[in-house]
Amino acid sequence: MVEAASLPAISLSGVDKRYGQRRGIEQVDLEVAAGEVFGYLGPNGAGKTTTIRLLLDLIRPDRGRMRVLGLDPRREGKRVRKSIGYLPGELALYDQLTVWQYLAFFARLKGAVPDGDITALAERLGCPIDQRIGSLSQGNKRKVGLIQAFMGKPLLLILDEPTSGLDPLIQNEFEQWVKEAQADGQTVFLSSHNLSEVERLCGRVGIIRAGRIVALEKVESIKQRSLRKVEIRSAIPLPLAELTALPRVRVLHSEPGVIRLQVQGEMAPLVSFLGRFPILDMLSEPLSLEELFLAYYGEDGHDS
């Protein structure tokens, strides 16, 4: 196992990966601090899976520098992987084994995983450890994957769509596991389409688009500084042409007496403009992470 250190848990500098003529990731710079819960967002094809495979040394970069837990995953991959708990987006399990046999097998590979840890985690998720994996529902198979990732308290957890197919109660239990892992000093790298989950758990997020990271910031600051939604109620109709001419203001909806806007950056130009009119009420709030994501990708949520 790798010893915990003050070094970043993940560090990528100028990392490129291509598959022939097809783009994987380009010039990715990323640093995840030890003990951080970091969200990695992007639609299919944006480069999330490529990044994860590079961290695990399942594929190798064309150029750039990578460190995982302070080590080079290419030259010291075995040491790195023994300190990682990994849950892939698509699980490939051994259907002929029971849950217990499967988890005991991976416990031996990891080393130093007490049997009591496995049973305790299984009980918390309500996972039937004596059943054959092939007989389980997709939700229960996902539970097996979560137990395999978390058991042994690895220094770094890399979780790809961890709550896909889980019911809300189990999702809540998973979120508790993540909070406990962070409290124990573990690092969590969370790739997910469940944006409300990421918003609740992660201190920072990276948004990747077309292989490049387009946002890398704290969840709260990226919402508050970048985009806000504003609803204005006025006693008279406001001139839409003048509104849309304001810098970084976009009209989302307009009806008599009510206008909804999206504003990027400073609010001062909008406030100054509205001072000319009889405004009855104005509500301003930061976009949710989901709304922010759609602002980067469009309503279909797919990369272009």
C-alpha atoms as a PDB file:
ATOM      1  CA  MET A   1       0.000   0.000   0.000  1.00  0.00           C
ATOM      2  CA  VAL A   2       1.072   3.587  -0.603  1.00  0.00           C
ATOM      3  CA  GLU A   3       1.470   5.721   2.495  1.00  0.00           C
ATOM      4  CA  ALA A   4      -0.823   8.749   2.835  1.00  0.00           C
ATOM      5  CA  ALA A   5       1.053  11.963   2.115  1.00  0.00           C
ATOM      6  CA  SER A   6       0.617  15.683   1.721  1.00  0.00           C
ATOM      7  CA  LEU A   7       1.151  15.331  -2.041  1.00  0.00           C
ATOM      8  CA  PRO A   8      -1.897  15.633  -4.336  1.00  0.00           C
ATOM      9  CA  ALA A   9      -3.823  12.391  -4.696  1.00  0.00           C
ATOM     10  CA  ILE A  10      -4.072  12.996  -8.467  1.00  0.00           C
ATOM     11  CA  SER A  11      -1.896  15.219 -10.631  1.00  0.00           C
ATOM     12  CA  LEU A  12      -2.089  15.502 -14.431  1.00  0.00           C
ATOM     13  CA  SER A  13      -0.062  18.033 -16.392  1.00  0.00           C
ATOM     14  CA  GLY A  14      -0.449  18.540 -20.147  1.00  0.00           C
ATOM     15  CA  VAL A  15      -1.849  15.023 -20.652  1.00  0.00           C
ATOM     16  CA  ASP A  16      -2.947  14.017 -24.165  1.00  0.00           C
ATOM     17  CA  LYS A  17      -4.463  10.742 -25.346  1.00  0.00           C
ATOM     18  CA  ARG A  18      -5.672   9.945 -28.848  1.00  0.00           C
ATOM     19  CA  TYR A  19      -7.070   6.774 -30.395  1.00  0.00           C
ATOM     20  CA  GLY A  20      -5.703   7.046 -33.914  1.00  0.00           C
ATOM     21  CA  GLN A  21      -7.473  10.037 -35.436  1.00  0.00           C
ATOM     22  CA  ARG A  22     -10.053  10.134 -32.659  1.00  0.00           C
ATOM     23  CA  ARG A  23      -9.640  12.481 -29.723  1.00  0.00           C
ATOM     24  CA  GLY A  24      -9.502  11.162 -26.166  1.00  0.00           C
ATOM     25  CA  ILE A  25      -8.319  14.039 -23.987  1.00  0.00           C
ATOM     26  CA  GLU A  26      -6.178  17.054 -24.852  1.00  0.00           C
ATOM     27  CA  GLN A  27      -3.843  19.134 -22.689  1.00  0.00           C
ATOM     28  CA  VAL A  28      -5.561  18.132 -19.457  1.00  0.00           C
ATOM     29  CA  ASP A  29      -4.199  19.791 -16.323  1.00  0.00           C
ATOM     30  CA  LEU A  30      -5.838  18.494 -13.169  1.00  0.00           C
ATOM     31  CA  GLU A  31      -4.938  18.317  -9.496  1.00  0.00           C
ATOM     32  CA  VAL A  32      -7.031  16.645  -6.790  1.00  0.00           C
ATOM     33  CA  ALA A  33      -5.916  17.198  -3.209  1.00  0.00           C
ATOM     34  CA  ALA A  34      -5.552  14.361  -0.730  1.00  0.00           C
ATOM     35  CA  GLY A  35      -8.773  14.016   1.261  1.00  0.00           C
ATOM     36  CA  GLU A  36     -10.878  15.858  -1.331  1.00  0.00           C
ATOM     37  CA  VAL A  37     -14.194  14.739  -2.827  1.00  0.00           C
ATOM     38  CA  PHE A  38     -13.892  15.820  -6.462  1.00  0.00           C
ATOM     39  CA  GLY A  39     -16.637  15.643  -9.090  1.00  0.00           C
ATOM     40  CA  TYR A  40     -15.771  14.965 -12.736  1.00  0.00           C
ATOM     41  CA  LEU A  41     -18.570  15.867 -15.121  1.00  0.00           C
ATOM     42  CA  GLY A  42     -19.187  15.504 -18.820  1.00  0.00           C
ATOM     43  CA  PRO A  43     -21.435  13.617 -21.237  1.00  0.00           C
ATOM     44  CA  ASN A  44     -20.539  10.410 -23.025  1.00  0.00           C
ATOM     45  CA  GLY A  45     -17.559  10.946 -25.295  1.00  0.00           C
ATOM     46  CA  ALA A  46     -16.213  13.994 -23.469  1.00  0.00           C
ATOM     47  CA  GLY A  47     -13.169  12.176 -22.043  1.00  0.00           C
ATOM     48  CA  LYS A  48     -14.178  11.055 -18.538  1.00  0.00           C
ATOM     49  CA  THR A  49     -13.572   7.343 -19.081  1.00  0.00           C
ATOM     50  CA  THR A  50     -10.281   8.027 -20.873  1.00  0.00           C
ATOM     51  CA  THR A  51      -9.099  10.017 -17.847  1.00  0.00           C
ATOM     52  CA  ILE A  52     -10.036   7.226 -15.439  1.00  0.00           C
ATOM     53  CA  ARG A  53      -8.330   4.556 -17.542  1.00  0.00           C
ATOM     54  CA  LEU A  54      -5.165   6.656 -17.611  1.00  0.00           C
ATOM     55  CA  LEU A  55      -5.206   7.001 -13.819  1.00  0.00           C
ATOM     56  CA  LEU A  56      -5.458   3.211 -13.482  1.00  0.00           C
ATOM     57  CA  ASP A  57      -2.742   2.610 -16.122  1.00  0.00           C
ATOM     58  CA  LEU A  58      -5.198   0.626 -18.241  1.00  0.00           C
ATOM     59  CA  ILE A  59      -4.116   2.886 -21.106  1.00  0.00           C
ATOM     60  CA  ARG A  60      -1.137   5.223 -21.342  1.00  0.00           C
ATOM     61  CA  PRO A  61      -0.866   8.876 -22.363  1.00  0.00           C
ATOM     62  CA  ASP A  62       0.689  10.039 -25.601  1.00  0.00           C
ATOM     63  CA  ARG A  63       2.308  12.914 -23.737  1.00  0.00           C
ATOM     64  CA  GLY A  64       2.190  14.704 -20.418  1.00  0.00           C
ATOM     65  CA  ARG A  65       2.999  13.916 -16.797  1.00  0.00           C
ATOM     66  CA  MET A  66       0.831  11.920 -14.398  1.00  0.00           C
ATOM     67  CA  ARG A  67       1.083  11.120 -10.707  1.00  0.00           C
ATOM     68  CA  VAL A  68      -1.403   9.127  -8.623  1.00  0.00           C
ATOM     69  CA  LEU A  69      -0.828   9.116  -4.864  1.00  0.00           C
ATOM     70  CA  GLY A  70       2.563  10.624  -5.596  1.00  0.00           C
ATOM     71  CA  LEU A  71       3.596   7.731  -7.863  1.00  0.00           C
ATOM     72  CA  ASP A  72       3.972   7.219 -11.594  1.00  0.00           C
ATOM     73  CA  PRO A  73       1.075   4.865 -12.521  1.00  0.00           C
ATOM     74  CA  ARG A  74       3.093   3.463 -15.428  1.00  0.00           C
ATOM     75  CA  ARG A  75       6.266   2.506 -13.550  1.00  0.00           C
ATOM     76  CA  GLU A  76       4.628   1.813 -10.183  1.00  0.00           C
ATOM     77  CA  GLY A  77       1.186   0.691 -11.297  1.00  0.00           C
ATOM     78  CA  LYS A  78       0.945  -2.307  -8.962  1.00  0.00           C
ATOM     79  CA  ARG A  79       1.597  -0.166  -5.855  1.00  0.00           C
ATOM     80  CA  VAL A  80      -0.843   2.467  -7.064  1.00  0.00           C
ATOM     81  CA  ARG A  81      -3.675   0.044  -7.807  1.00  0.00           C
ATOM     82  CA  LYS A  82      -3.353  -1.668  -4.420  1.00  0.00           C
ATOM     83  CA  SER A  83      -4.216   1.697  -2.862  1.00  0.00           C
ATOM     84  CA  ILE A  84      -7.223   2.407  -5.111  1.00  0.00           C
ATOM     85  CA  GLY A  85     -10.831   1.335  -4.785  1.00  0.00           C
ATOM     86  CA  TYR A  86     -12.336   1.386  -8.278  1.00  0.00           C
ATOM     87  CA  LEU A  87     -15.957   1.071  -9.338  1.00  0.00           C
ATOM     88  CA  PRO A  88     -16.332   1.010 -13.149  1.00  0.00           C
ATOM     89  CA  GLY A  89     -19.378   2.385 -14.900  1.00  0.00           C
ATOM     90  CA  GLU A  90     -20.073  -1.035 -16.419  1.00  0.00           C
ATOM     91  CA  LEU A  91     -19.505  -3.898 -14.011  1.00  0.00           C
ATOM     92  CA  ALA A  92     -18.131  -7.234 -15.198  1.00  0.00           C
ATOM     93  CA  LEU A  93     -18.670  -9.710 -12.350  1.00  0.00           C
ATOM     94  CA  TYR A  94     -18.098 -13.445 -11.991  1.00  0.00           C
ATOM     95  CA  ASP A  95     -21.683 -14.710 -12.169  1.00  0.00           C
ATOM     96  CA  GLN A  96     -20.832 -18.240 -11.047  1.00  0.00           C
ATOM     97  CA  LEU A  97     -19.456 -17.066  -7.678  1.00  0.00           C
ATOM     98  CA  THR A  98     -21.441 -16.109  -4.625  1.00  0.00           C
ATOM     99  CA  VAL A  99     -21.163 -12.513  -3.451  1.00  0.00           C
ATOM    100  CA  TRP A 100     -18.995 -13.642  -0.540  1.00  0.00           C
ATOM    101  CA  GLN A 101     -16.642 -15.657  -2.778  1.00  0.00           C
ATOM    102  CA  TYR A 102     -16.275 -12.732  -5.153  1.00  0.00           C
ATOM    103  CA  LEU A 103     -15.557 -10.191  -2.432  1.00  0.00           C
ATOM    104  CA  ALA A 104     -13.189 -12.548  -0.581  1.00  0.00           C
ATOM    105  CA  PHE A 105     -11.254 -13.026  -3.821  1.00  0.00           C
ATOM    106  CA  PHE A 106     -10.789  -9.267  -4.261  1.00  0.00           C
ATOM    107  CA  ALA A 107      -9.975  -8.888  -0.559  1.00  0.00           C
ATOM    108  CA  ARG A 108      -7.052 -11.282  -1.060  1.00  0.00           C
ATOM    109  CA  LEU A 109      -5.862  -9.235  -4.047  1.00  0.00           C
ATOM    110  CA  LYS A 110      -6.030  -6.017  -2.038  1.00  0.00           C
ATOM    111  CA  GLY A 111      -4.603  -7.564   1.122  1.00  0.00           C
ATOM    112  CA  ALA A 112      -5.366  -6.629   4.736  1.00  0.00           C
ATOM    113  CA  VAL A 113      -9.157  -6.522   4.355  1.00  0.00           C
ATOM    114  CA  PRO A 114     -10.767  -8.076   7.453  1.00  0.00           C
ATOM    115  CA  ASP A 115     -13.781 -10.333   6.838  1.00  0.00           C
ATOM    116  CA  GLY A 116     -15.728  -8.153   9.249  1.00  0.00           C
ATOM    117  CA  ASP A 117     -15.331  -5.156   6.942  1.00  0.00           C
ATOM    118  CA  ILE A 118     -16.997  -7.030   4.100  1.00  0.00           C
ATOM    119  CA  THR A 119     -19.937  -8.252   6.160  1.00  0.00           C
ATOM    120  CA  ALA A 120     -20.448  -4.828   7.768  1.00  0.00           C
ATOM    121  CA  LEU A 121     -20.594  -3.089   4.393  1.00  0.00           C
ATOM    122  CA  ALA A 122     -22.908  -5.758   2.990  1.00  0.00           C
ATOM    123  CA  GLU A 123     -25.279  -5.377   5.922  1.00  0.00           C
ATOM    124  CA  ARG A 124     -25.429  -1.608   5.499  1.00  0.00           C
ATOM    125  CA  LEU A 125     -26.479  -2.016   1.850  1.00  0.00           C
ATOM    126  CA  GLY A 126     -28.707  -5.024   2.430  1.00  0.00           C
ATOM    127  CA  CYS A 127     -26.606  -7.052   0.006  1.00  0.00           C
ATOM    128  CA  PRO A 128     -27.243 -10.850   0.066  1.00  0.00           C
ATOM    129  CA  ILE A 129     -23.702 -12.209   0.423  1.00  0.00           C
ATOM    130  CA  ASP A 130     -24.670 -15.908   0.167  1.00  0.00           C
ATOM    131  CA  GLN A 131     -26.417 -15.625  -3.208  1.00  0.00           C
ATOM    132  CA  ARG A 132     -24.800 -16.381  -6.538  1.00  0.00           C
ATOM    133  CA  ILE A 133     -23.976 -13.175  -8.407  1.00  0.00           C
ATOM    134  CA  GLY A 134     -25.678 -14.386 -11.574  1.00  0.00           C
ATOM    135  CA  SER A 135     -29.010 -14.506  -9.736  1.00  0.00           C
ATOM    136  CA  LEU A 136     -28.844 -10.908  -8.489  1.00  0.00           C
ATOM    137  CA  SER A 137     -30.755  -7.897  -9.795  1.00  0.00           C
ATOM    138  CA  GLN A 138     -28.788  -5.086 -11.425  1.00  0.00           C
ATOM    139  CA  GLY A 139     -29.231  -2.989  -8.299  1.00  0.00           C
ATOM    140  CA  ASN A 140     -27.756  -5.703  -6.079  1.00  0.00           C
ATOM    141  CA  LYS A 141     -24.868  -6.203  -8.496  1.00  0.00           C
ATOM    142  CA  ARG A 142     -24.144  -2.491  -8.169  1.00  0.00           C
ATOM    143  CA  LYS A 143     -24.056  -2.952  -4.405  1.00  0.00           C
ATOM    144  CA  VAL A 144     -21.411  -5.667  -4.838  1.00  0.00           C
ATOM    145  CA  GLY A 145     -19.320  -3.241  -6.866  1.00  0.00           C
ATOM    146  CA  LEU A 146     -19.608  -0.574  -4.184  1.00  0.00           C
ATOM    147  CA  ILE A 147     -18.547  -2.976  -1.435  1.00  0.00           C
ATOM    148  CA  GLN A 148     -15.570  -4.111  -3.520  1.00  0.00           C
ATOM    149  CA  ALA A 149     -14.474  -0.488  -4.030  1.00  0.00           C
ATOM    150  CA  PHE A 150     -14.873   0.703  -0.430  1.00  0.00           C
ATOM    151  CA  MET A 151     -13.635  -2.347   1.496  1.00  0.00           C
ATOM    152  CA  GLY A 152     -10.207  -2.001   3.041  1.00  0.00           C
ATOM    153  CA  LYS A 153     -10.482   1.817   3.127  1.00  0.00           C
ATOM    154  CA  PRO A 154      -8.278   2.551   0.093  1.00  0.00           C
ATOM    155  CA  LEU A 155      -6.486   5.900  -0.011  1.00  0.00           C
ATOM    156  CA  LEU A 156      -8.166   6.804  -3.309  1.00  0.00           C
ATOM    157  CA  LEU A 157     -11.666   5.906  -4.481  1.00  0.00           C
ATOM    158  CA  ILE A 158     -12.380   6.243  -8.205  1.00  0.00           C
ATOM    159  CA  LEU A 159     -16.122   5.870  -8.710  1.00  0.00           C
ATOM    160  CA  ASP A 160     -17.723   5.930 -12.162  1.00  0.00           C
ATOM    161  CA  GLU A 161     -21.516   6.393 -12.035  1.00  0.00           C
ATOM    162  CA  PRO A 162     -21.630   4.777  -8.562  1.00  0.00           C
ATOM    163  CA  THR A 163     -25.380   5.097  -7.879  1.00  0.00           C
ATOM    164  CA  SER A 164     -26.654   4.088 -11.308  1.00  0.00           C
ATOM    165  CA  GLY A 165     -29.546   1.659 -10.803  1.00  0.00           C
ATOM    166  CA  LEU A 166     -29.718   2.099  -7.024  1.00  0.00           C
ATOM    167  CA  ASP A 167     -32.911   3.032  -5.194  1.00  0.00           C
ATOM    168  CA  PRO A 168     -33.024   6.333  -3.238  1.00  0.00           C
ATOM    169  CA  LEU A 169     -32.434   4.718   0.162  1.00  0.00           C
ATOM    170  CA  ILE A 170     -29.242   3.040  -1.042  1.00  0.00           C
ATOM    171  CA  GLN A 171     -28.157   6.269  -2.737  1.00  0.00           C
ATOM    172  CA  ASN A 172     -28.475   7.992   0.643  1.00  0.00           C
ATOM    173  CA  GLU A 173     -26.370   5.262   2.248  1.00  0.00           C
ATOM    174  CA  PHE A 174     -23.744   5.669  -0.467  1.00  0.00           C
ATOM    175  CA  GLU A 175     -23.556   9.397   0.212  1.00  0.00           C
ATOM    176  CA  GLN A 176     -22.955   8.609   3.884  1.00  0.00           C
ATOM    177  CA  TRP A 177     -20.108   6.280   2.871  1.00  0.00           C
ATOM    178  CA  VAL A 178     -18.487   9.084   0.868  1.00  0.00           C
ATOM    179  CA  LYS A 179     -18.729  11.484   3.800  1.00  0.00           C
ATOM    180  CA  GLU A 180     -17.225   8.875   6.129  1.00  0.00           C
ATOM    181  CA  ALA A 181     -14.425   8.188   3.637  1.00  0.00           C
ATOM    182  CA  GLN A 182     -13.532  11.880   3.508  1.00  0.00           C
ATOM    183  CA  ALA A 183     -13.629  12.098   7.301  1.00  0.00           C
ATOM    184  CA  ASP A 184     -11.109   9.212   7.365  1.00  0.00           C
ATOM    185  CA  GLY A 185      -8.773  11.110   5.022  1.00  0.00           C
ATOM    186  CA  GLN A 186      -9.597   9.152   1.859  1.00  0.00           C
ATOM    187  CA  THR A 187      -9.809  10.901  -1.507  1.00  0.00           C
ATOM    188  CA  VAL A 188     -12.855  10.418  -3.737  1.00  0.00           C
ATOM    189  CA  PHE A 189     -12.823  11.001  -7.510  1.00  0.00           C
ATOM    190  CA  LEU A 190     -16.487  10.856  -8.512  1.00  0.00           C
ATOM    191  CA  SER A 191     -17.660  10.729 -12.113  1.00  0.00           C
ATOM    192  CA  SER A 192     -21.426  10.980 -12.318  1.00  0.00           C
ATOM    193  CA  HIS A 193     -24.435  12.115 -14.317  1.00  0.00           C
ATOM    194  CA  ASN A 194     -26.350  12.607 -11.052  1.00  0.00           C
ATOM    195  CA  LEU A 195     -25.644  16.310 -10.752  1.00  0.00           C
ATOM    196  CA  SER A 196     -27.629  16.863  -7.563  1.00  0.00           C
ATOM    197  CA  GLU A 197     -25.552  14.103  -5.942  1.00  0.00           C
ATOM    198  CA  VAL A 198     -22.316  15.749  -7.062  1.00  0.00           C
ATOM    199  CA  GLU A 199     -23.537  19.099  -5.786  1.00  0.00           C
ATOM    200  CA  ARG A 200     -24.229  17.624  -2.335  1.00  0.00           C
ATOM    201  CA  LEU A 201     -20.969  15.687  -2.008  1.00  0.00           C
ATOM    202  CA  CYS A 202     -18.216  17.487  -3.877  1.00  0.00           C
ATOM    203  CA  GLY A 203     -16.243  20.528  -2.856  1.00  0.00           C
ATOM    204  CA  ARG A 204     -14.893  21.047  -6.374  1.00  0.00           C
ATOM    205  CA  VAL A 205     -15.850  19.908  -9.847  1.00  0.00           C
ATOM    206  CA  GLY A 206     -14.132  19.652 -13.198  1.00  0.00           C
ATOM    207  CA  ILE A 207     -16.280  19.876 -16.319  1.00  0.00           C
ATOM    208  CA  ILE A 208     -14.764  18.279 -19.413  1.00  0.00           C
ATOM    209  CA  ARG A 209     -15.928  19.041 -22.939  1.00  0.00           C
ATOM    210  CA  ALA A 210     -14.506  17.604 -26.179  1.00  0.00           C
ATOM    211  CA  GLY A 211     -11.488  16.271 -24.298  1.00  0.00           C
ATOM    212  CA  ARG A 212     -10.606  19.562 -22.594  1.00  0.00           C
ATOM    213  CA  ILE A 213     -11.443  20.740 -19.089  1.00  0.00           C
ATOM    214  CA  VAL A 214     -13.602  23.856 -19.470  1.00  0.00           C
ATOM    215  CA  ALA A 215     -14.271  24.519 -15.781  1.00  0.00           C
ATOM    216  CA  LEU A 216     -12.310  23.579 -12.670  1.00  0.00           C
ATOM    217  CA  GLU A 217     -13.489  25.278  -9.519  1.00  0.00           C
ATOM    218  CA  LYS A 218     -15.300  25.048  -6.201  1.00  0.00           C
ATOM    219  CA  VAL A 219     -18.958  24.138  -6.594  1.00  0.00           C
ATOM    220  CA  GLU A 220     -20.197  27.242  -4.787  1.00  0.00           C
ATOM    221  CA  SER A 221     -17.930  29.734  -6.513  1.00  0.00           C
ATOM    222  CA  ILE A 222     -18.505  28.341  -9.992  1.00  0.00           C
ATOM    223  CA  LYS A 223     -22.249  28.706  -9.482  1.00  0.00           C
ATOM    224  CA  GLN A 224     -22.149  32.142  -7.923  1.00  0.00           C
ATOM    225  CA  ARG A 225     -19.501  33.826 -10.072  1.00  0.00           C
ATOM    226  CA  SER A 226     -20.336  32.431 -13.472  1.00  0.00           C
ATOM    227  CA  LEU A 227     -24.082  32.345 -14.038  1.00  0.00           C
ATOM    228  CA  ARG A 228     -27.175  33.505 -12.196  1.00  0.00           C
ATOM    229  CA  LYS A 229     -30.868  33.278 -12.952  1.00  0.00           C
ATOM    230  CA  VAL A 230     -32.925  36.418 -12.389  1.00  0.00           C
ATOM    231  CA  GLU A 231     -36.692  36.870 -12.294  1.00  0.00           C
ATOM    232  CA  ILE A 232     -38.040  40.411 -12.603  1.00  0.00           C
ATOM    233  CA  ARG A 233     -41.610  41.541 -11.946  1.00  0.00           C
ATOM    234  CA  SER A 234     -42.444  45.000 -13.220  1.00  0.00           C
ATOM    235  CA  ALA A 235     -45.466  47.301 -13.274  1.00  0.00           C
ATOM    236  CA  ILE A 236     -44.943  48.011 -16.995  1.00  0.00           C
ATOM    237  CA  PRO A 237     -43.444  45.976 -19.854  1.00  0.00           C
ATOM    238  CA  LEU A 238     -39.667  46.234 -20.071  1.00  0.00           C
ATOM    239  CA  PRO A 239     -37.987  46.888 -23.455  1.00  0.00           C
ATOM    240  CA  LEU A 240     -36.608  43.464 -24.445  1.00  0.00           C
ATOM    241  CA  ALA A 241     -34.331  44.884 -27.135  1.00  0.00           C
ATOM    242  CA  GLU A 242     -32.533  47.028 -24.564  1.00  0.00           C
ATOM    243  CA  LEU A 243     -32.333  44.144 -22.105  1.00  0.00           C
ATOM    244  CA  THR A 244     -30.734  41.778 -24.586  1.00  0.00           C
ATOM    245  CA  ALA A 245     -28.261  44.518 -25.551  1.00  0.00           C
ATOM    246  CA  LEU A 246     -26.845  44.497 -22.009  1.00  0.00           C
ATOM    247  CA  PRO A 247     -23.524  42.657 -21.659  1.00  0.00           C
ATOM    248  CA  ARG A 248     -23.830  38.937 -20.797  1.00  0.00           C
ATOM    249  CA  VAL A 249     -27.615  39.066 -20.308  1.00  0.00           C
ATOM    250  CA  ARG A 250     -29.862  36.474 -21.955  1.00  0.00           C
ATOM    251  CA  VAL A 251     -33.665  36.550 -21.887  1.00  0.00           C
ATOM    252  CA  LEU A 252     -35.009  33.064 -21.078  1.00  0.00           C
ATOM    253  CA  HIS A 253     -38.730  33.824 -20.798  1.00  0.00           C
ATOM    254  CA  SER A 254     -40.969  36.844 -21.153  1.00  0.00           C
ATOM    255  CA  GLU A 255     -44.646  37.422 -20.381  1.00  0.00           C
ATOM    256  CA  PRO A 256     -46.618  40.502 -19.298  1.00  0.00           C
ATOM    257  CA  GLY A 257     -45.112  41.749 -16.052  1.00  0.00           C
ATOM    258  CA  VAL A 258     -42.549  38.920 -15.679  1.00  0.00           C
ATOM    259  CA  ILE A 259     -39.157  38.384 -17.319  1.00  0.00           C
ATOM    260  CA  ARG A 260     -36.672  35.620 -16.538  1.00  0.00           C
ATOM    261  CA  LEU A 261     -33.017  36.169 -17.399  1.00  0.00           C
ATOM    262  CA  GLN A 262     -29.676  34.416 -17.277  1.00  0.00           C
ATOM    263  CA  VAL A 263     -26.842  36.743 -16.273  1.00  0.00           C
ATOM    264  CA  GLN A 264     -23.131  35.999 -16.432  1.00  0.00           C
ATOM    265  CA  GLY A 265     -20.685  37.932 -14.290  1.00  0.00           C
ATOM    266  CA  GLU A 266     -21.398  41.324 -12.742  1.00  0.00           C
ATOM    267  CA  MET A 267     -24.997  42.304 -11.994  1.00  0.00           C
ATOM    268  CA  ALA A 268     -24.272  46.060 -11.942  1.00  0.00           C
ATOM    269  CA  PRO A 269     -25.221  46.814 -15.596  1.00  0.00           C
ATOM    270  CA  LEU A 270     -28.576  45.060 -15.157  1.00  0.00           C
ATOM    271  CA  VAL A 271     -29.330  46.751 -11.831  1.00  0.00           C
ATOM    272  CA  SER A 272     -28.477  50.160 -13.305  1.00  0.00           C
ATOM    273  CA  PHE A 273     -30.786  49.519 -16.259  1.00  0.00           C
ATOM    274  CA  LEU A 274     -33.686  48.398 -14.065  1.00  0.00           C
ATOM    275  CA  GLY A 275     -33.416  51.579 -11.989  1.00  0.00           C
ATOM    276  CA  ARG A 276     -35.198  53.412 -14.812  1.00  0.00           C
ATOM    277  CA  PHE A 277     -38.389  51.368 -14.401  1.00  0.00           C
ATOM    278  CA  PRO A 278     -41.039  50.658 -11.718  1.00  0.00           C
ATOM    279  CA  ILE A 279     -39.785  47.242 -10.573  1.00  0.00           C
ATOM    280  CA  LEU A 280     -42.111  45.398  -8.198  1.00  0.00           C
ATOM    281  CA  ASP A 281     -39.780  42.544  -7.293  1.00  0.00           C
ATOM    282  CA  MET A 282     -36.502  40.909  -8.359  1.00  0.00           C
ATOM    283  CA  LEU A 283     -35.231  37.450  -7.420  1.00  0.00           C
ATOM    284  CA  SER A 284     -31.621  36.474  -8.159  1.00  0.00           C
ATOM    285  CA  GLU A 285     -29.983  33.134  -7.363  1.00  0.00           C
ATOM    286  CA  PRO A 286     -27.026  31.098  -8.633  1.00  0.00           C
ATOM    287  CA  LEU A 287     -27.681  28.323 -11.125  1.00  0.00           C
ATOM    288  CA  SER A 288     -27.773  24.799  -9.799  1.00  0.00           C
ATOM    289  CA  LEU A 289     -25.005  22.504 -10.961  1.00  0.00           C
ATOM    290  CA  GLU A 290     -27.479  20.915 -13.369  1.00  0.00           C
ATOM    291  CA  GLU A 291     -28.369  24.279 -14.903  1.00  0.00           C
ATOM    292  CA  LEU A 292     -24.699  25.171 -15.122  1.00  0.00           C
ATOM    293  CA  PHE A 293     -23.947  21.902 -16.889  1.00  0.00           C
ATOM    294  CA  LEU A 294     -26.686  22.598 -19.436  1.00  0.00           C
ATOM    295  CA  ALA A 295     -25.221  26.045 -19.992  1.00  0.00           C
ATOM    296  CA  TYR A 296     -21.968  24.390 -21.080  1.00  0.00           C
ATOM    297  CA  TYR A 297     -23.512  21.586 -23.123  1.00  0.00           C
ATOM    298  CA  GLY A 298     -26.959  22.687 -24.285  1.00  0.00           C
ATOM    299  CA  GLU A 299     -30.328  21.206 -23.495  1.00  0.00           C
ATOM    300  CA  ASP A 300     -29.567  17.761 -24.918  1.00  0.00           C
ATOM    301  CA  GLY A 301     -26.627  17.291 -22.533  1.00  0.00           C
ATOM    302  CA  HIS A 302     -24.379  15.936 -25.293  1.00  0.00           C
ATOM    303  CA  ASP A 303     -21.034  17.111 -26.453  1.00  0.00           C
ATOM    304  CA  SER A 304     -20.760  18.606 -29.902  1.00  0.00           C
END
